[in-house]
Amino acid sequence: MSLFQRAKKFDLGCFANIKTIRDHTKRKAFEAAEPERQALRYIIRNTTLPARTRAIAQLQLTQMHCYTRPTQIKNRCILGGKGKGILRDFKMSRYNFRLQALEGNLPGVKKASW
């Protein structure tokens, strides 16, 4: 079974365009390959191991697919799939955050007035 097979039915929770589908695929690939990446990084950093073993581990790490890297994952809005202007705490774009806050759907958030 390939690491990058896409399911026929997505449960993304947001508008599904190609960018959100690709981001979903990257997150799944990263999640599946993370233990192996951590093991290889441990081997590379362990100075008590022979240099050849560390070099082989480094080569294996560089040859892993780019989707398995944590830097490939981008924060996207859970409602609209937008990739810019995301508030990390709520995983929403600024615009969707404002709409949800004004409707009262976000607990502990209200419009400031002073």
N, C-alpha and C. Protein backbone atom coordinates (compact mmCIF):
# COMPACT_ATOMS: atom_id res chain seq x y z
N MET A 1 0.84 -1.17 0.00
CA MET A 1 0.00 0.00 0.00
C MET A 1 0.89 1.24 0.00
N SER A 2 0.62 2.12 -0.87
CA SER A 2 1.43 3.33 -1.01
C SER A 2 1.15 4.30 0.13
N LEU A 3 2.17 5.08 0.45
CA LEU A 3 2.06 6.07 1.51
C LEU A 3 1.18 7.24 1.11
N PHE A 4 1.03 7.46 -0.19
CA PHE A 4 0.35 8.65 -0.69
C PHE A 4 -0.98 8.37 -1.36
N GLN A 5 -1.62 7.25 -1.05
CA GLN A 5 -2.93 6.98 -1.61
C GLN A 5 -3.95 7.90 -0.98
N ARG A 6 -4.80 8.45 -1.79
CA ARG A 6 -5.84 9.34 -1.30
C ARG A 6 -7.14 8.56 -1.14
N ALA A 7 -7.81 8.83 -0.06
CA ALA A 7 -9.10 8.19 0.16
C ALA A 7 -10.11 8.77 -0.80
N LYS A 8 -11.12 7.96 -1.12
CA LYS A 8 -12.14 8.44 -2.05
C LYS A 8 -13.05 9.47 -1.38
N LYS A 9 -13.25 9.34 -0.08
CA LYS A 9 -14.09 10.29 0.63
C LYS A 9 -13.26 10.97 1.71
N PHE A 10 -13.21 12.30 1.65
CA PHE A 10 -12.44 13.06 2.62
C PHE A 10 -13.35 13.58 3.72
N ASP A 11 -12.79 13.63 4.91
CA ASP A 11 -13.46 14.28 6.01
C ASP A 11 -12.56 15.43 6.47
N LEU A 12 -12.39 16.41 5.59
CA LEU A 12 -11.49 17.52 5.86
C LEU A 12 -12.13 18.55 6.76
N GLY A 13 -13.42 18.66 6.74
CA GLY A 13 -14.11 19.64 7.55
C GLY A 13 -14.10 21.04 6.97
N CYS A 14 -13.63 21.18 5.75
CA CYS A 14 -13.58 22.50 5.13
C CYS A 14 -13.82 22.35 3.64
N PHE A 15 -13.78 23.48 2.96
CA PHE A 15 -13.93 23.49 1.51
C PHE A 15 -12.78 22.70 0.89
N ALA A 16 -13.08 21.73 0.04
CA ALA A 16 -12.05 20.85 -0.51
C ALA A 16 -11.65 21.32 -1.90
N ASN A 17 -10.50 21.98 -1.98
CA ASN A 17 -9.90 22.26 -3.27
C ASN A 17 -8.57 21.51 -3.31
N ILE A 18 -7.82 21.66 -4.37
CA ILE A 18 -6.61 20.85 -4.54
C ILE A 18 -5.58 21.16 -3.46
N LYS A 19 -5.54 22.41 -2.98
CA LYS A 19 -4.56 22.76 -1.96
C LYS A 19 -4.87 22.11 -0.62
N THR A 20 -6.14 22.07 -0.25
CA THR A 20 -6.49 21.43 1.01
C THR A 20 -6.32 19.92 0.92
N ILE A 21 -6.59 19.35 -0.24
CA ILE A 21 -6.39 17.91 -0.42
C ILE A 21 -4.91 17.57 -0.33
N ARG A 22 -4.07 18.40 -0.96
CA ARG A 22 -2.63 18.18 -0.92
C ARG A 22 -2.09 18.33 0.50
N ASP A 23 -2.60 19.33 1.22
CA ASP A 23 -2.17 19.52 2.60
C ASP A 23 -2.59 18.34 3.47
N HIS A 24 -3.78 17.83 3.23
CA HIS A 24 -4.26 16.65 3.96
C HIS A 24 -3.34 15.45 3.68
N THR A 25 -2.96 15.28 2.41
CA THR A 25 -2.06 14.19 2.04
C THR A 25 -0.70 14.35 2.71
N LYS A 26 -0.19 15.57 2.76
CA LYS A 26 1.10 15.83 3.41
C LYS A 26 1.04 15.52 4.90
N ARG A 27 -0.06 15.89 5.53
CA ARG A 27 -0.19 15.62 6.97
C ARG A 27 -0.24 14.12 7.24
N LYS A 28 -0.94 13.37 6.42
CA LYS A 28 -1.01 11.92 6.60
C LYS A 28 0.36 11.27 6.37
N ALA A 29 1.08 11.72 5.35
CA ALA A 29 2.41 11.18 5.06
C ALA A 29 3.38 11.52 6.18
N PHE A 30 3.31 12.73 6.69
CA PHE A 30 4.17 13.13 7.80
C PHE A 30 3.90 12.30 9.04
N GLU A 31 2.62 12.08 9.32
CA GLU A 31 2.24 11.31 10.50
C GLU A 31 2.73 9.86 10.40
N ALA A 32 2.67 9.29 9.20
CA ALA A 32 3.10 7.91 9.02
C ALA A 32 4.62 7.76 9.09
N ALA A 33 5.36 8.75 8.63
CA ALA A 33 6.81 8.63 8.54
C ALA A 33 7.55 9.26 9.72
N GLU A 34 6.85 9.88 10.64
CA GLU A 34 7.52 10.59 11.73
C GLU A 34 8.36 9.69 12.64
N PRO A 35 7.90 8.49 13.04
CA PRO A 35 8.77 7.64 13.88
C PRO A 35 10.08 7.26 13.18
N GLU A 36 10.00 6.97 11.90
CA GLU A 36 11.21 6.62 11.16
C GLU A 36 12.16 7.82 11.06
N ARG A 37 11.61 8.99 10.82
CA ARG A 37 12.44 10.21 10.76
C ARG A 37 13.13 10.47 12.10
N GLN A 38 12.41 10.30 13.19
CA GLN A 38 13.00 10.53 14.50
C GLN A 38 14.11 9.53 14.80
N ALA A 39 13.90 8.27 14.40
CA ALA A 39 14.93 7.25 14.61
C ALA A 39 16.19 7.58 13.80
N LEU A 40 16.01 7.98 12.55
CA LEU A 40 17.18 8.32 11.73
C LEU A 40 17.90 9.55 12.28
N ARG A 41 17.15 10.54 12.74
CA ARG A 41 17.78 11.73 13.31
C ARG A 41 18.53 11.40 14.59
N TYR A 42 18.02 10.46 15.38
CA TYR A 42 18.73 10.02 16.58
C TYR A 42 20.04 9.35 16.22
N ILE A 43 20.01 8.50 15.21
CA ILE A 43 21.23 7.81 14.77
C ILE A 43 22.26 8.82 14.26
N ILE A 44 21.80 9.81 13.51
CA ILE A 44 22.72 10.81 12.95
C ILE A 44 23.39 11.61 14.07
N ARG A 45 22.66 11.95 15.10
CA ARG A 45 23.20 12.77 16.18
C ARG A 45 24.01 12.00 17.21
N ASN A 46 23.90 10.68 17.22
CA ASN A 46 24.61 9.86 18.19
C ASN A 46 26.08 9.73 17.77
N THR A 47 26.96 10.40 18.49
CA THR A 47 28.38 10.41 18.11
C THR A 47 29.12 9.15 18.52
N THR A 48 28.48 8.29 19.32
CA THR A 48 29.15 7.05 19.73
C THR A 48 29.07 5.98 18.65
N LEU A 49 28.19 6.14 17.69
CA LEU A 49 28.06 5.18 16.59
C LEU A 49 29.16 5.40 15.56
N PRO A 50 29.46 4.38 14.77
CA PRO A 50 30.47 4.55 13.71
C PRO A 50 30.03 5.58 12.67
N ALA A 51 31.00 6.21 12.06
CA ALA A 51 30.72 7.26 11.08
C ALA A 51 29.97 6.71 9.88
N ARG A 52 30.28 5.48 9.49
CA ARG A 52 29.61 4.88 8.33
C ARG A 52 28.10 4.70 8.60
N THR A 53 27.76 4.22 9.78
CA THR A 53 26.35 4.04 10.14
C THR A 53 25.62 5.37 10.13
N ARG A 54 26.24 6.38 10.68
CA ARG A 54 25.63 7.71 10.71
C ARG A 54 25.46 8.28 9.31
N ALA A 55 26.44 8.03 8.44
CA ALA A 55 26.36 8.52 7.06
C ALA A 55 25.24 7.82 6.30
N ILE A 56 25.08 6.53 6.53
CA ILE A 56 23.99 5.78 5.87
C ILE A 56 22.63 6.31 6.34
N ALA A 57 22.52 6.57 7.64
CA ALA A 57 21.27 7.11 8.18
C ALA A 57 20.97 8.49 7.59
N GLN A 58 22.02 9.30 7.43
CA GLN A 58 21.83 10.62 6.85
C GLN A 58 21.38 10.53 5.40
N LEU A 59 21.95 9.58 4.67
CA LEU A 59 21.56 9.37 3.28
C LEU A 59 20.11 8.92 3.18
N GLN A 60 19.70 8.02 4.07
CA GLN A 60 18.31 7.55 4.07
C GLN A 60 17.35 8.69 4.40
N LEU A 61 17.76 9.56 5.33
CA LEU A 61 16.90 10.67 5.70
C LEU A 61 16.73 11.66 4.55
N THR A 62 17.80 11.92 3.82
CA THR A 62 17.69 12.86 2.71
C THR A 62 16.92 12.27 1.53
N GLN A 63 16.86 10.95 1.44
CA GLN A 63 16.16 10.32 0.33
C GLN A 63 14.68 10.08 0.61
N MET A 64 14.23 10.42 1.80
CA MET A 64 12.80 10.27 2.11
C MET A 64 12.01 11.31 1.31
N HIS A 65 10.76 11.02 1.07
CA HIS A 65 9.90 11.90 0.28
C HIS A 65 9.77 13.25 0.96
N CYS A 66 9.62 14.30 0.17
CA CYS A 66 9.55 15.66 0.73
C CYS A 66 8.28 15.87 1.55
N TYR A 67 7.23 15.11 1.29
CA TYR A 67 6.00 15.27 2.06
C TYR A 67 6.15 14.81 3.51
N THR A 68 7.21 14.07 3.82
CA THR A 68 7.42 13.60 5.18
C THR A 68 8.13 14.62 6.05
N ARG A 69 8.48 15.77 5.50
CA ARG A 69 9.16 16.82 6.25
C ARG A 69 8.14 17.69 6.97
N PRO A 70 8.45 18.10 8.21
CA PRO A 70 7.50 18.94 8.94
C PRO A 70 7.35 20.34 8.35
N THR A 71 8.33 20.81 7.60
CA THR A 71 8.24 22.15 7.02
C THR A 71 7.26 22.21 5.85
N GLN A 72 6.82 21.07 5.34
CA GLN A 72 5.89 21.04 4.23
C GLN A 72 4.45 21.31 4.66
N ILE A 73 4.19 21.15 5.95
CA ILE A 73 2.83 21.31 6.45
C ILE A 73 2.53 22.79 6.65
N LYS A 74 1.42 23.24 6.10
CA LYS A 74 1.03 24.64 6.19
C LYS A 74 -0.26 24.75 6.99
N ASN A 75 -0.32 25.75 7.86
CA ASN A 75 -1.55 25.99 8.60
C ASN A 75 -2.61 26.52 7.64
N ARG A 76 -3.77 25.88 7.64
CA ARG A 76 -4.87 26.30 6.79
C ARG A 76 -6.12 26.46 7.63
N CYS A 77 -7.00 27.33 7.16
CA CYS A 77 -8.26 27.58 7.84
C CYS A 77 -9.13 26.31 7.79
N ILE A 78 -9.71 25.94 8.93
CA ILE A 78 -10.53 24.74 8.97
C ILE A 78 -11.89 24.95 8.33
N LEU A 79 -12.28 26.19 8.14
CA LEU A 79 -13.58 26.47 7.53
C LEU A 79 -13.48 26.72 6.03
N GLY A 80 -12.49 27.49 5.60
CA GLY A 80 -12.42 27.88 4.20
C GLY A 80 -11.23 27.33 3.44
N GLY A 81 -10.23 26.79 4.15
CA GLY A 81 -9.05 26.26 3.48
C GLY A 81 -8.04 27.32 3.09
N LYS A 82 -8.24 28.55 3.53
CA LYS A 82 -7.34 29.65 3.19
C LYS A 82 -5.98 29.44 3.87
N GLY A 83 -4.90 29.84 3.19
CA GLY A 83 -3.56 29.58 3.70
C GLY A 83 -2.86 30.77 4.31
N LYS A 84 -3.46 31.94 4.25
CA LYS A 84 -2.82 33.14 4.82
C LYS A 84 -3.74 33.78 5.85
N GLY A 85 -3.14 34.47 6.81
CA GLY A 85 -3.92 35.15 7.84
C GLY A 85 -4.59 34.20 8.79
N ILE A 86 -3.88 33.15 9.20
CA ILE A 86 -4.45 32.12 10.07
C ILE A 86 -4.10 32.41 11.52
N LEU A 87 -5.09 32.36 12.40
CA LEU A 87 -4.86 32.47 13.84
C LEU A 87 -4.61 31.06 14.37
N ARG A 88 -3.43 30.82 14.92
CA ARG A 88 -3.04 29.47 15.32
C ARG A 88 -3.94 28.87 16.39
N ASP A 89 -4.31 29.69 17.35
CA ASP A 89 -5.11 29.16 18.47
C ASP A 89 -6.46 28.62 18.03
N PHE A 90 -7.02 29.20 16.99
CA PHE A 90 -8.35 28.81 16.54
C PHE A 90 -8.35 28.08 15.20
N LYS A 91 -7.21 28.04 14.52
CA LYS A 91 -7.06 27.39 13.21
C LYS A 91 -8.06 27.95 12.18
N MET A 92 -8.24 29.27 12.25
CA MET A 92 -9.17 29.93 11.35
C MET A 92 -8.51 31.16 10.75
N SER A 93 -9.00 31.54 9.57
CA SER A 93 -8.54 32.79 8.98
C SER A 93 -9.14 33.95 9.76
N ARG A 94 -8.57 35.12 9.56
CA ARG A 94 -9.03 36.30 10.29
C ARG A 94 -10.50 36.58 10.02
N TYR A 95 -10.88 36.46 8.78
CA TYR A 95 -12.26 36.75 8.40
C TYR A 95 -13.24 35.76 9.03
N ASN A 96 -12.95 34.47 8.92
CA ASN A 96 -13.84 33.47 9.51
C ASN A 96 -13.86 33.56 11.03
N PHE A 97 -12.71 33.90 11.62
CA PHE A 97 -12.67 34.10 13.06
C PHE A 97 -13.62 35.23 13.48
N ARG A 98 -13.58 36.32 12.74
CA ARG A 98 -14.44 37.46 13.05
C ARG A 98 -15.91 37.09 12.94
N LEU A 99 -16.27 36.38 11.86
CA LEU A 99 -17.66 35.98 11.68
C LEU A 99 -18.13 35.05 12.81
N GLN A 100 -17.30 34.08 13.15
CA GLN A 100 -17.67 33.13 14.20
C GLN A 100 -17.75 33.81 15.57
N ALA A 101 -16.84 34.76 15.82
CA ALA A 101 -16.87 35.47 17.10
C ALA A 101 -18.11 36.34 17.22
N LEU A 102 -18.50 37.01 16.14
CA LEU A 102 -19.68 37.87 16.19
C LEU A 102 -20.96 37.05 16.36
N GLU A 103 -20.96 35.83 15.82
CA GLU A 103 -22.12 34.95 15.99
C GLU A 103 -22.16 34.33 17.38
N GLY A 104 -21.03 34.39 18.10
CA GLY A 104 -20.98 33.80 19.44
C GLY A 104 -20.65 32.33 19.44
N ASN A 105 -20.06 31.83 18.36
CA ASN A 105 -19.74 30.41 18.27
C ASN A 105 -18.42 30.03 18.91
N LEU A 106 -17.61 31.01 19.30
CA LEU A 106 -16.31 30.74 19.91
C LEU A 106 -16.39 31.03 21.41
N PRO A 107 -16.24 30.03 22.26
CA PRO A 107 -16.37 30.25 23.70
C PRO A 107 -15.22 31.11 24.21
N GLY A 108 -15.55 32.08 25.04
CA GLY A 108 -14.54 32.94 25.65
C GLY A 108 -14.11 34.10 24.78
N VAL A 109 -14.71 34.27 23.61
CA VAL A 109 -14.33 35.35 22.71
C VAL A 109 -15.53 36.27 22.55
N LYS A 110 -15.29 37.55 22.77
CA LYS A 110 -16.34 38.53 22.53
C LYS A 110 -15.70 39.80 21.99
N LYS A 111 -16.51 40.61 21.38
CA LYS A 111 -16.01 41.84 20.80
C LYS A 111 -15.61 42.82 21.91
N ALA A 112 -14.42 43.37 21.74
CA ALA A 112 -13.91 44.28 22.76
C ALA A 112 -14.56 45.66 22.61
N SER A 113 -14.82 46.28 23.75
CA SER A 113 -15.32 47.66 23.76
C SER A 113 -14.80 48.31 25.03
N TRP A 114 -14.19 49.47 24.87
CA TRP A 114 -13.67 50.20 26.02
C TRP A 114 -13.80 51.67 25.85
